[in-house]
Amino acid sequence: QVQLVESGGGLVQAGGSLRLSCAASGRTFSTYPMGWFRQAPGKEREFVAAISRSGDNTLTADSVKGRFTISRDNAKNTLYLQMNSLKPEDTAVYYCAAEVRYNEYDYWGQGTQVTVSS
């Protein structure tokens, strides 16, 4: 089991940057592929990015490709999401999650709010 805590959200102007962090408890962090998801008010949760156990492989949603970068530091048990060139449509609660089985994310953080003003 792993517990996840996100941080780094906030209010930023369009065009700005934020870096989200997801701190994981326990010594099993490196055994899980990880992902970032987001949910805007009135919308369904959507996939943002994913990363393999080692960090060698990543996948990014088309809506954020070229602007967002997912990374991880297994020595620090931390997952990151660097967000650049932010747009108002990126406003959402962002969640990190651990993938226990293929495409099944069973462990979730509490979320961190990102608000992008125009």
N, C-alpha and C. Protein backbone atom coordinates (compact mmCIF):
# COMPACT_ATOMS: atom_id res chain seq x y z
N GLN A 1 0.84 -1.19 0.00
CA GLN A 1 0.00 0.00 0.00
C GLN A 1 0.88 1.24 0.00
N VAL A 2 0.39 2.31 -0.60
CA VAL A 2 1.14 3.55 -0.64
C VAL A 2 0.18 4.70 -0.39
N GLN A 3 0.62 5.68 0.36
CA GLN A 3 -0.16 6.88 0.60
C GLN A 3 0.46 8.04 -0.17
N LEU A 4 -0.39 8.85 -0.79
CA LEU A 4 0.07 9.90 -1.68
C LEU A 4 -0.45 11.26 -1.22
N VAL A 5 0.43 12.26 -1.25
CA VAL A 5 0.05 13.61 -0.86
C VAL A 5 0.58 14.59 -1.91
N GLU A 6 -0.35 15.30 -2.56
CA GLU A 6 0.03 16.28 -3.57
C GLU A 6 0.28 17.64 -2.94
N SER A 7 1.10 18.43 -3.61
CA SER A 7 1.34 19.81 -3.21
C SER A 7 1.79 20.60 -4.42
N GLY A 8 1.83 21.93 -4.27
CA GLY A 8 2.36 22.77 -5.33
C GLY A 8 1.30 23.49 -6.16
N GLY A 9 0.04 23.21 -5.90
CA GLY A 9 -1.01 23.91 -6.64
C GLY A 9 -1.11 25.37 -6.21
N GLY A 10 -1.92 26.12 -6.94
CA GLY A 10 -2.11 27.52 -6.60
C GLY A 10 -2.74 28.29 -7.72
N LEU A 11 -2.70 29.60 -7.59
CA LEU A 11 -3.25 30.52 -8.59
C LEU A 11 -2.11 31.09 -9.42
N VAL A 12 -2.25 31.02 -10.73
CA VAL A 12 -1.21 31.52 -11.62
C VAL A 12 -1.86 32.16 -12.83
N GLN A 13 -1.20 33.14 -13.41
CA GLN A 13 -1.72 33.78 -14.61
C GLN A 13 -1.46 32.91 -15.83
N ALA A 14 -2.28 33.07 -16.83
CA ALA A 14 -2.07 32.35 -18.09
C ALA A 14 -0.65 32.61 -18.61
N GLY A 15 -0.03 31.54 -19.09
CA GLY A 15 1.35 31.64 -19.55
C GLY A 15 2.37 31.31 -18.49
N GLY A 16 1.93 31.22 -17.25
CA GLY A 16 2.83 30.94 -16.14
C GLY A 16 3.12 29.46 -15.97
N SER A 17 3.86 29.15 -14.91
CA SER A 17 4.28 27.78 -14.65
C SER A 17 4.03 27.40 -13.20
N LEU A 18 3.83 26.12 -13.00
CA LEU A 18 3.75 25.54 -11.66
C LEU A 18 4.40 24.16 -11.71
N ARG A 19 4.92 23.72 -10.57
CA ARG A 19 5.39 22.35 -10.48
C ARG A 19 4.66 21.66 -9.33
N LEU A 20 3.95 20.62 -9.67
CA LEU A 20 3.25 19.83 -8.67
C LEU A 20 4.16 18.71 -8.18
N SER A 21 4.02 18.39 -6.91
CA SER A 21 4.74 17.27 -6.32
C SER A 21 3.74 16.30 -5.71
N CYS A 22 4.14 15.06 -5.66
CA CYS A 22 3.33 14.01 -5.05
C CYS A 22 4.27 13.16 -4.21
N ALA A 23 4.16 13.32 -2.90
CA ALA A 23 5.03 12.58 -1.99
C ALA A 23 4.37 11.27 -1.60
N ALA A 24 5.12 10.19 -1.72
CA ALA A 24 4.60 8.86 -1.42
C ALA A 24 5.22 8.31 -0.14
N SER A 25 4.40 7.68 0.65
CA SER A 25 4.90 7.03 1.87
C SER A 25 5.29 5.59 1.56
N GLY A 26 6.08 5.01 2.42
CA GLY A 26 6.43 3.61 2.24
C GLY A 26 7.60 3.42 1.31
N ARG A 27 8.06 2.18 1.24
CA ARG A 27 9.23 1.87 0.43
C ARG A 27 8.87 1.20 -0.87
N THR A 28 7.58 1.27 -1.26
CA THR A 28 7.14 0.58 -2.46
C THR A 28 6.89 1.51 -3.63
N PHE A 29 7.19 2.79 -3.47
CA PHE A 29 6.89 3.78 -4.51
C PHE A 29 7.48 3.36 -5.86
N SER A 30 8.72 2.91 -5.85
CA SER A 30 9.40 2.60 -7.10
C SER A 30 8.81 1.39 -7.83
N THR A 31 7.95 0.64 -7.16
CA THR A 31 7.35 -0.54 -7.80
C THR A 31 6.09 -0.21 -8.59
N TYR A 32 5.62 1.03 -8.49
CA TYR A 32 4.37 1.42 -9.16
C TYR A 32 4.63 2.37 -10.32
N PRO A 33 4.05 2.08 -11.47
CA PRO A 33 3.91 3.14 -12.47
C PRO A 33 2.97 4.18 -11.85
N MET A 34 3.17 5.44 -12.23
CA MET A 34 2.41 6.52 -11.60
C MET A 34 1.74 7.38 -12.66
N GLY A 35 0.70 8.07 -12.23
CA GLY A 35 0.01 8.95 -13.17
C GLY A 35 -0.48 10.22 -12.52
N TRP A 36 -0.73 11.21 -13.36
CA TRP A 36 -1.41 12.44 -12.95
C TRP A 36 -2.73 12.51 -13.70
N PHE A 37 -3.76 12.93 -12.97
CA PHE A 37 -5.08 13.13 -13.53
C PHE A 37 -5.60 14.49 -13.07
N ARG A 38 -6.64 14.96 -13.71
CA ARG A 38 -7.23 16.23 -13.28
C ARG A 38 -8.74 16.19 -13.48
N GLN A 39 -9.42 16.99 -12.68
CA GLN A 39 -10.87 17.09 -12.80
C GLN A 39 -11.29 18.54 -12.63
N ALA A 40 -11.90 19.08 -13.67
CA ALA A 40 -12.42 20.44 -13.64
C ALA A 40 -13.87 20.40 -13.17
N PRO A 41 -14.37 21.51 -12.63
CA PRO A 41 -15.76 21.56 -12.16
C PRO A 41 -16.74 21.16 -13.26
N GLY A 42 -17.63 20.23 -12.93
CA GLY A 42 -18.65 19.81 -13.89
C GLY A 42 -18.17 18.89 -14.98
N LYS A 43 -16.90 18.47 -14.89
CA LYS A 43 -16.34 17.60 -15.93
C LYS A 43 -15.85 16.30 -15.30
N GLU A 44 -15.68 15.30 -16.16
CA GLU A 44 -15.16 14.04 -15.69
C GLU A 44 -13.65 14.14 -15.48
N ARG A 45 -13.14 13.28 -14.64
CA ARG A 45 -11.71 13.22 -14.43
C ARG A 45 -11.03 12.76 -15.71
N GLU A 46 -9.91 13.41 -16.03
CA GLU A 46 -9.21 13.05 -17.25
C GLU A 46 -7.74 12.77 -16.98
N PHE A 47 -7.19 11.90 -17.82
CA PHE A 47 -5.78 11.54 -17.74
C PHE A 47 -4.92 12.71 -18.21
N VAL A 48 -3.80 12.92 -17.51
CA VAL A 48 -2.87 13.97 -17.89
C VAL A 48 -1.54 13.38 -18.36
N ALA A 49 -0.95 12.53 -17.52
CA ALA A 49 0.35 11.96 -17.87
C ALA A 49 0.63 10.73 -17.01
N ALA A 50 1.51 9.87 -17.52
CA ALA A 50 1.90 8.67 -16.78
C ALA A 50 3.39 8.43 -16.96
N ILE A 51 3.95 7.68 -16.02
CA ILE A 51 5.38 7.41 -16.06
C ILE A 51 5.63 5.99 -15.56
N SER A 52 6.62 5.32 -16.16
CA SER A 52 6.95 3.96 -15.78
C SER A 52 7.66 3.91 -14.43
N ARG A 53 7.88 2.70 -13.94
CA ARG A 53 8.51 2.54 -12.62
C ARG A 53 9.89 3.21 -12.57
N SER A 54 10.65 3.06 -13.60
CA SER A 54 12.00 3.59 -13.63
C SER A 54 12.05 5.05 -14.04
N GLY A 55 10.98 5.50 -14.68
CA GLY A 55 10.95 6.87 -15.19
C GLY A 55 11.44 6.98 -16.63
N ASP A 56 11.80 5.85 -17.22
CA ASP A 56 12.34 5.88 -18.57
C ASP A 56 11.27 6.13 -19.62
N ASN A 57 10.05 5.76 -19.30
CA ASN A 57 8.97 5.89 -20.28
C ASN A 57 7.86 6.77 -19.73
N THR A 58 7.39 7.68 -20.55
CA THR A 58 6.30 8.56 -20.16
C THR A 58 5.25 8.62 -21.26
N LEU A 59 4.07 9.02 -20.85
CA LEU A 59 2.95 9.20 -21.76
C LEU A 59 2.23 10.46 -21.35
N THR A 60 1.91 11.32 -22.32
CA THR A 60 1.28 12.60 -22.00
C THR A 60 0.06 12.80 -22.87
N ALA A 61 -1.01 13.31 -22.28
CA ALA A 61 -2.23 13.58 -23.03
C ALA A 61 -1.98 14.66 -24.09
N ASP A 62 -2.67 14.53 -25.20
CA ASP A 62 -2.48 15.50 -26.28
C ASP A 62 -2.76 16.93 -25.84
N SER A 63 -3.70 17.09 -24.92
CA SER A 63 -4.09 18.43 -24.49
C SER A 63 -2.99 19.17 -23.75
N VAL A 64 -2.01 18.45 -23.24
CA VAL A 64 -0.93 19.10 -22.47
C VAL A 64 0.45 18.79 -23.06
N LYS A 65 0.49 18.05 -24.13
CA LYS A 65 1.77 17.65 -24.71
C LYS A 65 2.56 18.89 -25.13
N GLY A 66 3.85 18.87 -24.80
CA GLY A 66 4.71 20.01 -25.11
C GLY A 66 4.68 21.09 -24.05
N ARG A 67 3.75 21.00 -23.11
CA ARG A 67 3.66 21.99 -22.04
C ARG A 67 3.88 21.37 -20.65
N PHE A 68 3.43 20.14 -20.47
CA PHE A 68 3.56 19.46 -19.17
C PHE A 68 4.59 18.34 -19.28
N THR A 69 5.35 18.15 -18.20
CA THR A 69 6.34 17.07 -18.14
C THR A 69 6.21 16.31 -16.83
N ILE A 70 6.05 15.00 -16.93
CA ILE A 70 6.00 14.17 -15.74
C ILE A 70 7.38 13.58 -15.48
N SER A 71 7.73 13.49 -14.20
CA SER A 71 9.01 12.90 -13.83
C SER A 71 8.88 12.33 -12.42
N ARG A 72 9.88 11.57 -12.01
CA ARG A 72 9.86 10.98 -10.68
C ARG A 72 11.27 10.86 -10.15
N ASP A 73 11.38 10.88 -8.82
CA ASP A 73 12.63 10.66 -8.14
C ASP A 73 12.38 9.53 -7.14
N ASN A 74 12.76 8.32 -7.50
CA ASN A 74 12.47 7.18 -6.64
C ASN A 74 13.25 7.23 -5.32
N ALA A 75 14.40 7.88 -5.34
CA ALA A 75 15.18 8.01 -4.10
C ALA A 75 14.46 8.90 -3.09
N LYS A 76 13.65 9.82 -3.61
CA LYS A 76 12.91 10.73 -2.74
C LYS A 76 11.44 10.35 -2.62
N ASN A 77 11.05 9.23 -3.25
CA ASN A 77 9.64 8.80 -3.22
C ASN A 77 8.70 9.91 -3.67
N THR A 78 9.07 10.60 -4.73
CA THR A 78 8.29 11.75 -5.16
C THR A 78 8.06 11.73 -6.68
N LEU A 79 6.83 12.09 -7.03
CA LEU A 79 6.40 12.25 -8.41
C LEU A 79 6.20 13.73 -8.67
N TYR A 80 6.52 14.17 -9.90
CA TYR A 80 6.41 15.59 -10.24
C TYR A 80 5.59 15.78 -11.50
N LEU A 81 5.02 16.97 -11.62
CA LEU A 81 4.40 17.40 -12.87
C LEU A 81 4.79 18.86 -13.08
N GLN A 82 5.68 19.09 -14.03
CA GLN A 82 6.06 20.45 -14.40
C GLN A 82 5.07 20.96 -15.43
N MET A 83 4.44 22.06 -15.13
CA MET A 83 3.41 22.61 -16.01
C MET A 83 3.84 24.00 -16.48
N ASN A 84 4.06 24.14 -17.76
CA ASN A 84 4.45 25.41 -18.36
C ASN A 84 3.38 25.91 -19.31
N SER A 85 3.46 27.17 -19.65
CA SER A 85 2.51 27.78 -20.60
C SER A 85 1.07 27.44 -20.21
N LEU A 86 0.75 27.65 -18.97
CA LEU A 86 -0.56 27.28 -18.47
C LEU A 86 -1.66 28.10 -19.12
N LYS A 87 -2.81 27.45 -19.30
CA LYS A 87 -3.97 28.08 -19.92
C LYS A 87 -5.14 28.02 -18.94
N PRO A 88 -6.11 28.92 -19.09
CA PRO A 88 -7.29 28.86 -18.20
C PRO A 88 -7.97 27.50 -18.21
N GLU A 89 -7.95 26.81 -19.33
CA GLU A 89 -8.59 25.49 -19.41
C GLU A 89 -7.82 24.42 -18.65
N ASP A 90 -6.65 24.73 -18.13
CA ASP A 90 -5.92 23.79 -17.28
C ASP A 90 -6.41 23.84 -15.84
N THR A 91 -7.29 24.78 -15.54
CA THR A 91 -7.83 24.90 -14.18
C THR A 91 -8.56 23.63 -13.79
N ALA A 92 -8.15 23.05 -12.66
CA ALA A 92 -8.72 21.78 -12.22
C ALA A 92 -8.08 21.39 -10.89
N VAL A 93 -8.64 20.36 -10.28
CA VAL A 93 -7.96 19.69 -9.18
C VAL A 93 -7.11 18.59 -9.79
N TYR A 94 -5.85 18.58 -9.42
CA TYR A 94 -4.90 17.61 -9.97
C TYR A 94 -4.62 16.53 -8.93
N TYR A 95 -4.66 15.28 -9.39
CA TYR A 95 -4.46 14.13 -8.53
C TYR A 95 -3.30 13.28 -9.04
N CYS A 96 -2.52 12.74 -8.12
CA CYS A 96 -1.56 11.71 -8.50
C CYS A 96 -2.14 10.36 -8.08
N ALA A 97 -1.70 9.33 -8.77
CA ALA A 97 -2.24 8.00 -8.51
C ALA A 97 -1.21 6.94 -8.84
N ALA A 98 -1.31 5.82 -8.13
CA ALA A 98 -0.41 4.69 -8.37
C ALA A 98 -1.16 3.60 -9.13
N GLU A 99 -0.52 3.09 -10.18
CA GLU A 99 -1.12 2.06 -11.02
C GLU A 99 -0.75 0.69 -10.46
N VAL A 100 -1.73 0.01 -9.89
CA VAL A 100 -1.47 -1.28 -9.25
C VAL A 100 -1.50 -2.40 -10.28
N ARG A 101 -2.48 -2.37 -11.16
CA ARG A 101 -2.57 -3.31 -12.29
C ARG A 101 -2.71 -2.46 -13.55
N TYR A 102 -2.54 -3.08 -14.70
CA TYR A 102 -2.55 -2.32 -15.94
C TYR A 102 -3.79 -1.44 -16.03
N ASN A 103 -3.56 -0.15 -16.14
CA ASN A 103 -4.62 0.85 -16.30
C ASN A 103 -5.61 0.86 -15.15
N GLU A 104 -5.21 0.33 -14.01
CA GLU A 104 -6.04 0.41 -12.81
C GLU A 104 -5.26 1.15 -11.73
N TYR A 105 -5.73 2.34 -11.44
CA TYR A 105 -5.08 3.18 -10.44
C TYR A 105 -5.86 3.03 -9.14
N ASP A 106 -5.28 2.38 -8.17
CA ASP A 106 -6.00 2.06 -6.94
C ASP A 106 -5.68 3.00 -5.78
N TYR A 107 -4.55 3.68 -5.84
CA TYR A 107 -4.16 4.58 -4.76
C TYR A 107 -4.12 6.00 -5.30
N TRP A 108 -4.83 6.91 -4.57
CA TRP A 108 -4.97 8.28 -5.02
C TRP A 108 -4.62 9.25 -3.89
N GLY A 109 -4.10 10.41 -4.29
CA GLY A 109 -3.91 11.48 -3.33
C GLY A 109 -5.21 12.26 -3.16
N GLN A 110 -5.15 13.28 -2.32
CA GLN A 110 -6.35 14.08 -2.02
C GLN A 110 -6.58 15.17 -3.05
N GLY A 111 -5.58 15.46 -3.86
CA GLY A 111 -5.71 16.46 -4.90
C GLY A 111 -5.17 17.81 -4.49
N THR A 112 -4.76 18.59 -5.48
CA THR A 112 -4.29 19.96 -5.26
C THR A 112 -4.90 20.84 -6.35
N GLN A 113 -5.41 22.00 -5.92
CA GLN A 113 -6.13 22.88 -6.85
C GLN A 113 -5.16 23.72 -7.66
N VAL A 114 -5.37 23.75 -8.96
CA VAL A 114 -4.63 24.63 -9.85
C VAL A 114 -5.64 25.54 -10.54
N THR A 115 -5.43 26.85 -10.40
CA THR A 115 -6.32 27.83 -11.01
C THR A 115 -5.49 28.75 -11.89
N VAL A 116 -5.87 28.84 -13.15
CA VAL A 116 -5.15 29.67 -14.12
C VAL A 116 -6.08 30.81 -14.54
N SER A 117 -5.66 32.02 -14.25
CA SER A 117 -6.47 33.19 -14.59
C SER A 117 -6.08 33.72 -15.96
N SER A 118 -7.06 34.28 -16.64
CA SER A 118 -6.81 34.81 -17.99
C SER A 118 -6.39 36.27 -17.96
